[in-house]
Every structure is written in structure tokens, then in C-alpha cells.
Amino acid sequence: MLKEDQNLSKDIFNVHIESKPTREGYGDGVLEAGEINEDVVVLCGDLTESTKSDRFAHKFPNRFFDVGVAEQNMAGIAAGLALSGKVPFIASYATFNPGRNLDQIRVSICFSKANVKIIGAHGGLSTPADGATHQALEDLAIMRTLPNMIVLYPCDYLEAKKATLKAANHKGPVYIRLARDKTPIFTTKTTPFEIGAAQVLMEGRDITVIATGPLVYEGLKAAQELKIRHGISVEVINLPTIKPLDKKTILKSVQKTRRLITVEEHQMAGGMGSTIAEFLAQEFPLKMKIMGMPDLFGESGLYDELLEKYGLNAHHIELEVIQFMQGK
């Protein structure tokens, strides 16, 4: 359990809370990783500024490679660099990386256990203007099935920076999913982050809400409102590591509350909720609700509008919790 006064911002529900895209956490994190370790290199698929790889490129031009619109080549080159002792990060939109280079990630990186860090930017609905073709809603399902792959989805800018630094030190393939739009920074520099560890951000007794990525903040807002307006005690868990799953923390929580809702910007099939359902079906079967994209592609619109339309904001989490508590 995190101590709120130490590890979460005291003003997380303030309308003036600072917001930054998680992709900027990667940009600052990989720059710091490059300053620490000269073996860190960055490759990008013609999206240097959009993925925030430009900061590294400006500081270390001899360790940056823009391969153009050639994501398959980017993965293959990175595998070779990794097997030669480098620590390559490859960055593009998640619809292209892993959307276009899955074969190379699977064989050249995962099968070889190559030490490559894969950055899937603009994940979920956070590419609102570009619409369905650029909104990655299937990537977590794809990446978590690959042997030897770590899958991370940080909740805010600070956690994204920490995840990037941890990935740089991890030996083996890592996938980090990032968002494009600004989202609230509600953790602090002292909030712990470890690969494979979930975080109980708010203790509760009535129901468990597990969220990943920027929707963790929506879960926290919903829990606050449910406590104030309805007296419902919600346990909120941040799950920044989709694989490997923190089974101990999840099991302890659901054994206490006996009710579970998961929330993610991803297809309901195959994502974080499915991962948890697969685990609990074998260890502690219980009724649960998966909130995500209901077998649909996204569309163009403002980010907040899309979260509202597809029922993924705090208001809709509140409604789902209330219905769950009523046995619906």
C-alpha cells in the first residue's frame, strides 16, 4: 500500500493538476538512460519528434538512427545492435511498432532474447485527430503473448520516465506503451516503480478496480466520488506491468473484496482484463467486469469525448461499480 502523503500527489483531484503526455516521460527517460550508459542507442521510424526521441537525437546524434518508414528493418537492425552489446530503443506509433513489424519482433528479438526496448507511442485512444488507423487498441494482446517479452503501460509522465530507465537496465525485450495526449501527473518522484509490481493506490473493502495507463487516474477519481456520494469503499490498483503479472497483489485484493472491475484503453479481448481473468479463473474464480473497447475500432474526436463515448472515464467507472454492487 502506498502512503498517500509520500507517494501520491496531495492534489491529485485538483483541476489545476499538472498534465504531460506519457510519451514525454519516455523522451526524458531515454535521454537520461543515454547519459548513464553510452551503449544506449535509439532508432526511430520517421516519427522522431512525435515519439519524443528528438531529445536523445539532439544530445547524441551519433547514437541515433532514423530508419525512415521501415519498421521491419528497424526491428532487425535493433536486434543486431543488441546482440552486439548495445541497448537499442526502437520508437514509433504502436499501430506500426508492433503493428507492422511483429514478425521481426517475434523472431529476431524475442526468439533471440535480444536486449531491445520497443516503444509503442500513441497507444489507446490518445491519437484522437488521426482516428482508427492510428489508434492502437490491440497491441497489449499481441505483445503479452510473445515469450521473453516484458509489457509495461505507465500511468503518467513520471511513471513513464521510471519505466524507461528500468527497461534500459533490464536484460531482455521490453515493450512500453505510451499515450499522446496530456494526462494528469498524480504520482511523485518517490512513488516506487518496479517491473512486475502492481501498486495499491487506495485501499478499500467493497470492490477492487484495477486500471492501467492514464485511466488509473479515472479510477481514482471514480473511487473518490463513490466514497463521498455512495459510501462505497473501492480498492484502486495501478497495474503498470501487464506481463509479468503481479499475481500476489491482485489475489490478495480480490480475496478481500470478492468483486473486480478492470479498466483499460484496449480491446476487451486479450488485454489487461483478459490477462487477469485467465489468472483468476485458475486461482480464484469470481464475477468480474472488463471495461475496454467492445470489439470496435476508434474514431476521430477529442480525447475526453472518446473516453465518454466508449464509457472509459470516471463517470462510467462509477456507474459500473454501482451496478456491480447492486448485482446487475
Protein backbone atom coordinates (compact mmCIF):
# COMPACT_ATOMS: atom_id res chain seq x y z
CA MET A 1 0.00 0.00 0.00
CA LEU A 2 1.34 3.40 -0.94
CA LYS A 3 1.29 6.11 1.68
CA GLU A 4 -0.65 8.90 0.02
CA ASP A 5 1.26 11.72 1.69
CA GLN A 6 4.57 10.31 0.44
CA ASN A 7 3.94 8.65 -2.89
CA LEU A 8 0.91 10.33 -4.45
CA SER A 9 0.34 13.99 -5.12
CA LYS A 10 -1.82 15.54 -2.39
CA ASP A 11 -3.65 17.48 -5.08
CA ILE A 12 -4.47 14.63 -7.46
CA PHE A 13 -8.12 15.70 -7.67
CA ASN A 14 -7.32 19.39 -8.18
CA VAL A 15 -8.50 20.74 -11.54
CA HIS A 16 -5.16 22.55 -11.86
CA ILE A 17 -3.03 19.42 -11.54
CA GLU A 18 -0.08 19.39 -13.95
CA SER A 19 -0.53 17.28 -17.06
CA LYS A 20 2.01 15.87 -19.53
CA PRO A 21 1.90 13.10 -22.12
CA THR A 22 3.49 9.83 -21.04
CA ARG A 23 5.48 9.93 -24.29
CA GLU A 24 7.42 12.84 -22.78
CA GLY A 25 8.33 10.62 -19.85
CA TYR A 26 9.95 8.28 -22.34
CA GLY A 27 11.73 11.16 -24.06
CA ASP A 28 13.25 12.40 -20.81
CA GLY A 29 13.88 8.88 -19.55
CA VAL A 30 15.74 7.61 -22.59
CA LEU A 31 17.86 10.78 -22.61
CA GLU A 32 18.84 10.12 -19.00
CA ALA A 33 19.48 6.46 -19.78
CA GLY A 34 21.78 7.55 -22.60
CA GLU A 35 23.69 9.84 -20.27
CA ILE A 36 24.19 6.97 -17.83
CA ASN A 37 25.07 4.28 -20.36
CA GLU A 38 26.88 5.01 -23.63
CA ASP A 39 25.64 1.70 -25.06
CA VAL A 40 22.08 3.04 -25.20
CA VAL A 41 21.09 3.86 -28.77
CA VAL A 42 17.76 4.98 -30.26
CA LEU A 43 16.17 4.10 -33.58
CA CYS A 44 13.04 5.73 -34.92
CA GLY A 45 10.71 5.15 -37.85
CA ASP A 46 10.39 8.68 -39.23
CA LEU A 47 8.50 9.90 -36.14
CA THR A 48 11.35 11.37 -34.14
CA GLU A 49 9.53 14.41 -32.77
CA SER A 50 6.18 12.66 -32.26
CA THR A 51 7.74 9.90 -30.16
CA LYS A 52 9.91 12.43 -28.27
CA SER A 53 13.05 10.67 -29.45
CA ASP A 54 14.29 14.05 -30.69
CA ARG A 55 15.78 14.91 -27.29
CA PHE A 56 18.10 11.93 -27.46
CA ALA A 57 18.84 12.63 -31.14
CA HIS A 58 19.96 16.18 -30.40
CA LYS A 59 22.18 15.16 -27.47
CA PHE A 60 23.63 12.01 -29.02
CA PRO A 61 23.43 12.32 -32.83
CA ASN A 62 25.99 9.55 -33.34
CA ARG A 63 23.83 7.13 -31.34
CA PHE A 64 20.55 7.94 -33.07
CA PHE A 65 19.30 6.36 -36.30
CA ASP A 66 16.20 7.39 -38.22
CA VAL A 67 15.48 4.40 -40.44
CA GLY A 68 12.53 6.01 -42.19
CA VAL A 69 9.18 4.33 -42.75
CA ALA A 70 10.70 0.87 -42.42
CA GLU A 71 9.60 -0.60 -39.11
CA GLN A 72 10.58 -4.17 -40.04
CA ASN A 73 14.12 -3.04 -40.83
CA MET A 74 14.20 -1.03 -37.62
CA ALA A 75 13.45 -4.14 -35.55
CA GLY A 76 16.03 -6.21 -37.41
CA ILE A 77 18.74 -3.58 -37.07
CA ALA A 78 17.95 -3.22 -33.37
CA ALA A 79 18.25 -6.97 -32.84
CA GLY A 80 21.69 -6.92 -34.44
CA LEU A 81 22.78 -3.96 -32.33
CA ALA A 82 21.53 -5.68 -29.18
CA LEU A 83 23.33 -8.92 -29.96
CA SER A 84 26.46 -6.81 -30.47
CA GLY A 85 26.23 -5.36 -26.96
CA LYS A 86 24.18 -2.21 -27.47
CA VAL A 87 20.92 -1.31 -25.69
CA PRO A 88 18.62 -0.17 -28.51
CA PHE A 89 15.28 1.56 -28.11
CA ILE A 90 13.05 1.46 -31.20
CA ALA A 91 10.25 4.02 -31.34
CA SER A 92 7.19 4.52 -33.48
CA TYR A 93 3.42 4.58 -33.13
CA ALA A 94 2.09 1.39 -31.59
CA THR A 95 -0.02 0.75 -34.71
CA PHE A 96 3.29 0.38 -36.60
CA ASN A 97 5.55 -0.89 -33.81
CA PRO A 98 4.46 -3.71 -33.19
CA GLY A 99 1.64 -3.33 -35.73
CA ARG A 100 3.86 -3.68 -38.81
CA ASN A 101 6.93 -5.50 -37.53
CA LEU A 102 5.51 -8.32 -35.42
CA ASP A 103 7.40 -11.00 -37.38
CA GLN A 104 10.75 -9.32 -36.74
CA ILE A 105 9.91 -8.67 -33.07
CA ARG A 106 8.85 -12.27 -32.62
CA VAL A 107 11.80 -13.96 -34.33
CA SER A 108 14.71 -11.53 -34.37
CA ILE A 109 14.07 -10.03 -30.93
CA CYS A 110 12.05 -12.38 -28.71
CA PHE A 111 13.27 -15.73 -30.02
CA SER A 112 16.84 -14.45 -29.79
CA LYS A 113 16.21 -12.82 -26.41
CA ALA A 114 17.74 -9.68 -27.88
CA ASN A 115 18.02 -6.77 -25.46
CA VAL A 116 15.70 -4.43 -27.43
CA LYS A 117 13.27 -1.92 -25.92
CA ILE A 118 10.16 -1.39 -28.07
CA ILE A 119 8.32 1.91 -27.72
CA GLY A 120 4.70 1.93 -28.89
CA ALA A 121 3.63 5.56 -28.77
CA HIS A 122 0.11 6.92 -29.28
CA GLY A 123 -1.45 3.85 -27.67
CA GLY A 124 -5.17 3.57 -26.95
CA LEU A 125 -7.49 6.39 -27.97
CA SER A 126 -4.89 9.10 -27.42
CA THR A 127 -4.40 9.86 -31.10
CA PRO A 128 -7.84 11.45 -31.37
CA ALA A 129 -7.41 13.54 -34.52
CA ASP A 130 -5.89 10.69 -36.57
CA GLY A 131 -8.69 8.26 -35.88
CA ALA A 132 -8.95 4.50 -36.09
CA THR A 133 -5.93 3.79 -38.30
CA HIS A 134 -3.56 5.31 -35.74
CA GLN A 135 -5.25 4.23 -32.50
CA ALA A 136 -3.57 1.07 -31.22
CA LEU A 137 -6.18 -0.97 -29.35
CA GLU A 138 -4.77 -4.46 -29.89
CA ASP A 139 -1.08 -4.13 -29.03
CA LEU A 140 -1.18 -5.36 -25.43
CA ALA A 141 -2.85 -8.58 -26.56
CA ILE A 142 -0.20 -9.07 -29.24
CA MET A 143 2.83 -8.33 -27.11
CA ARG A 144 1.88 -10.22 -23.97
CA THR A 145 1.68 -13.49 -25.90
CA LEU A 146 5.31 -13.30 -27.04
CA PRO A 147 7.74 -15.39 -24.96
CA ASN A 148 10.52 -13.43 -23.22
CA MET A 149 8.63 -10.11 -23.59
CA ILE A 150 8.01 -7.69 -20.71
CA VAL A 151 4.94 -5.46 -21.25
CA LEU A 152 4.66 -2.07 -19.50
CA TYR A 153 1.93 0.58 -19.60
CA PRO A 154 2.78 3.53 -17.29
CA CYS A 155 0.03 5.66 -15.77
CA ASP A 156 1.60 9.14 -16.00
CA TYR A 157 4.65 11.11 -17.11
CA LEU A 158 6.75 10.27 -14.04
CA GLU A 159 5.97 6.57 -14.18
CA ALA A 160 6.79 6.52 -17.89
CA LYS A 161 10.19 8.02 -17.17
CA LYS A 162 10.83 5.45 -14.44
CA ALA A 163 9.67 2.62 -16.69
CA THR A 164 12.06 3.74 -19.42
CA LEU A 165 15.01 3.79 -17.03
CA LYS A 166 14.08 0.37 -15.62
CA ALA A 167 13.73 -1.02 -19.13
CA ALA A 168 17.21 0.23 -20.01
CA ASN A 169 18.61 -1.80 -17.12
CA HIS A 170 16.55 -4.91 -17.78
CA LYS A 171 18.25 -7.63 -19.83
CA GLY A 172 15.84 -8.75 -22.50
CA PRO A 173 12.96 -7.50 -24.67
CA VAL A 174 10.62 -4.87 -23.19
CA TYR A 175 7.54 -3.23 -24.68
CA ILE A 176 6.42 0.16 -23.32
CA ARG A 177 3.05 1.56 -24.38
CA LEU A 178 2.74 5.36 -24.34
CA ALA A 179 -0.01 7.94 -24.79
CA ARG A 180 0.00 11.04 -26.99
CA ASP A 181 -2.35 13.39 -25.14
CA LYS A 182 -1.59 15.21 -21.90
CA THR A 183 -2.81 13.34 -18.83
CA PRO A 184 -2.56 14.22 -15.12
CA ILE A 185 0.67 13.62 -13.19
CA PHE A 186 -0.59 12.17 -9.93
CA THR A 187 2.38 10.09 -8.78
CA THR A 188 5.53 11.69 -7.36
CA LYS A 189 9.25 11.18 -7.75
CA THR A 190 9.20 8.95 -4.65
CA THR A 191 6.37 6.69 -5.85
CA PRO A 192 8.01 3.28 -6.28
CA PHE A 193 8.14 1.56 -9.64
CA GLU A 194 9.42 -1.94 -10.26
CA ILE A 195 8.87 -4.15 -13.26
CA GLY A 196 6.32 -6.78 -12.27
CA ALA A 197 4.86 -4.87 -9.32
CA ALA A 198 1.32 -3.51 -9.01
CA GLN A 199 0.53 -0.64 -6.65
CA VAL A 200 -2.45 -0.37 -4.32
CA LEU A 201 -3.10 3.36 -4.58
CA MET A 202 -6.26 3.41 -2.49
CA GLU A 203 -7.35 0.75 -0.02
CA GLY A 204 -10.97 -0.43 0.01
CA ARG A 205 -13.16 -3.26 1.20
CA ASP A 206 -16.20 -3.42 -1.14
CA ILE A 207 -14.79 -3.79 -4.65
CA THR A 208 -11.44 -3.81 -6.46
CA VAL A 209 -10.81 -1.59 -9.50
CA ILE A 210 -7.65 -2.42 -11.44
CA ALA A 211 -6.63 0.06 -14.13
CA THR A 212 -3.60 0.54 -16.33
CA GLY A 213 -2.13 3.53 -18.15
CA PRO A 214 -3.67 7.01 -17.85
CA LEU A 215 -7.06 5.52 -16.95
CA VAL A 216 -5.69 4.81 -13.48
CA TYR A 217 -6.42 8.47 -12.74
CA GLU A 218 -10.02 7.99 -13.87
CA GLY A 219 -10.26 5.04 -11.49
CA LEU A 220 -9.01 7.14 -8.60
CA LYS A 221 -11.49 9.93 -9.35
CA ALA A 222 -14.32 7.42 -9.53
CA ALA A 223 -13.30 5.84 -6.22
CA GLN A 224 -13.24 9.24 -4.52
CA GLU A 225 -16.75 10.08 -5.75
CA LEU A 226 -18.13 6.66 -4.84
CA LYS A 227 -16.80 7.04 -1.30
CA ILE A 228 -18.23 10.53 -0.84
CA ARG A 229 -21.59 10.09 -2.59
CA HIS A 230 -22.42 6.43 -2.02
CA GLY A 231 -20.25 5.22 0.84
CA ILE A 232 -18.70 2.55 -1.39
CA SER A 233 -15.15 1.63 -0.43
CA VAL A 234 -13.13 0.98 -3.58
CA GLU A 235 -9.66 -0.52 -3.66
CA VAL A 236 -7.78 1.00 -6.60
CA ILE A 237 -4.78 -0.81 -8.07
CA ASN A 238 -2.41 0.60 -10.67
CA LEU A 239 -1.11 -2.18 -12.92
CA PRO A 240 1.76 -0.72 -14.95
CA THR A 241 3.19 -4.17 -15.74
CA ILE A 242 0.85 -6.29 -17.84
CA LYS A 243 3.48 -9.03 -18.09
CA PRO A 244 4.72 -10.45 -15.78
CA LEU A 245 1.54 -10.13 -13.75
CA ASP A 246 1.69 -9.25 -10.06
CA LYS A 247 -0.47 -12.20 -9.05
CA LYS A 248 0.14 -11.83 -5.33
CA THR A 249 -1.19 -8.26 -5.09
CA ILE A 250 -4.20 -8.97 -7.29
CA LEU A 251 -5.12 -12.17 -5.46
CA LYS A 252 -4.85 -10.54 -2.04
CA SER A 253 -7.16 -7.72 -3.09
CA VAL A 254 -9.91 -9.79 -4.71
CA GLN A 255 -9.91 -12.31 -1.89
CA LYS A 256 -10.78 -9.37 0.36
CA THR A 257 -13.36 -7.57 -1.81
CA ARG A 258 -14.76 -10.51 -3.83
CA ARG A 259 -15.63 -8.10 -6.66
CA LEU A 260 -13.47 -6.86 -9.53
CA ILE A 261 -13.64 -4.35 -12.38
CA THR A 262 -10.73 -3.80 -14.78
CA VAL A 263 -10.33 -0.65 -16.89
CA GLU A 264 -8.13 -0.17 -19.97
CA GLU A 265 -7.84 1.67 -23.32
CA HIS A 266 -7.69 -1.56 -25.28
CA GLN A 267 -9.96 -4.15 -26.79
CA MET A 268 -11.76 -6.10 -24.10
CA ALA A 269 -10.40 -9.24 -25.75
CA GLY A 270 -6.81 -10.11 -24.97
CA GLY A 271 -5.72 -7.11 -22.93
CA MET A 272 -5.09 -6.45 -19.25
CA GLY A 273 -8.55 -7.61 -18.16
CA SER A 274 -8.17 -10.85 -20.09
CA THR A 275 -4.78 -11.45 -18.51
CA ILE A 276 -6.25 -11.11 -15.03
CA ALA A 277 -9.30 -13.22 -15.92
CA GLU A 278 -7.06 -16.04 -17.15
CA PHE A 279 -5.14 -16.00 -13.88
CA LEU A 280 -8.17 -15.77 -11.58
CA ALA A 281 -10.06 -18.48 -13.47
CA GLN A 282 -7.37 -20.88 -12.30
CA GLU A 283 -6.65 -19.50 -8.84
CA PHE A 284 -9.75 -17.71 -7.51
CA PRO A 285 -12.78 -17.67 -9.84
CA LEU A 286 -15.11 -14.75 -9.24
CA LYS A 287 -17.51 -12.50 -11.11
CA MET A 288 -15.68 -9.63 -12.78
CA LYS A 289 -16.32 -6.88 -15.31
CA ILE A 290 -13.86 -5.87 -18.05
CA MET A 291 -14.16 -2.24 -19.19
CA GLY A 292 -12.50 -1.54 -22.52
CA MET A 293 -13.24 -1.21 -26.23
CA PRO A 294 -16.15 -3.51 -27.13
CA ASP A 295 -14.78 -5.04 -30.35
CA LEU A 296 -14.76 -1.69 -32.13
CA PHE A 297 -12.24 0.50 -33.89
CA GLY A 298 -11.84 4.02 -32.55
CA GLU A 299 -12.64 7.22 -34.42
CA SER A 300 -11.66 10.87 -34.62
CA GLY A 301 -12.61 13.24 -31.81
CA LEU A 302 -11.26 14.93 -28.72
CA TYR A 303 -9.68 12.53 -26.25
CA ASP A 304 -12.16 13.29 -23.48
CA GLU A 305 -15.03 12.89 -25.93
CA LEU A 306 -13.80 9.46 -26.95
CA LEU A 307 -13.43 8.31 -23.35
CA GLU A 308 -17.01 9.44 -22.74
CA LYS A 309 -18.36 7.77 -25.88
CA TYR A 310 -16.74 4.43 -25.16
CA GLY A 311 -17.53 4.53 -21.44
CA LEU A 312 -13.98 4.70 -20.10
CA ASN A 313 -13.93 7.82 -17.91
CA ALA A 314 -14.53 8.25 -14.16
CA HIS A 315 -18.27 8.76 -14.57
CA HIS A 316 -18.73 5.44 -16.35
CA ILE A 317 -16.50 3.63 -13.87
CA GLU A 318 -18.75 4.95 -11.09
CA LEU A 319 -21.84 3.64 -12.89
CA GLU A 320 -20.29 0.21 -13.42
CA VAL A 321 -19.31 -0.04 -9.77
CA ILE A 322 -22.80 0.93 -8.58
CA GLN A 323 -24.44 -1.60 -10.91
CA PHE A 324 -21.98 -4.28 -9.79
CA MET A 325 -22.74 -3.58 -6.14
CA GLN A 326 -26.46 -3.89 -6.97
CA GLY A 327 -25.89 -7.29 -8.50
CA LYS A 328 -26.56 -6.17 -12.08
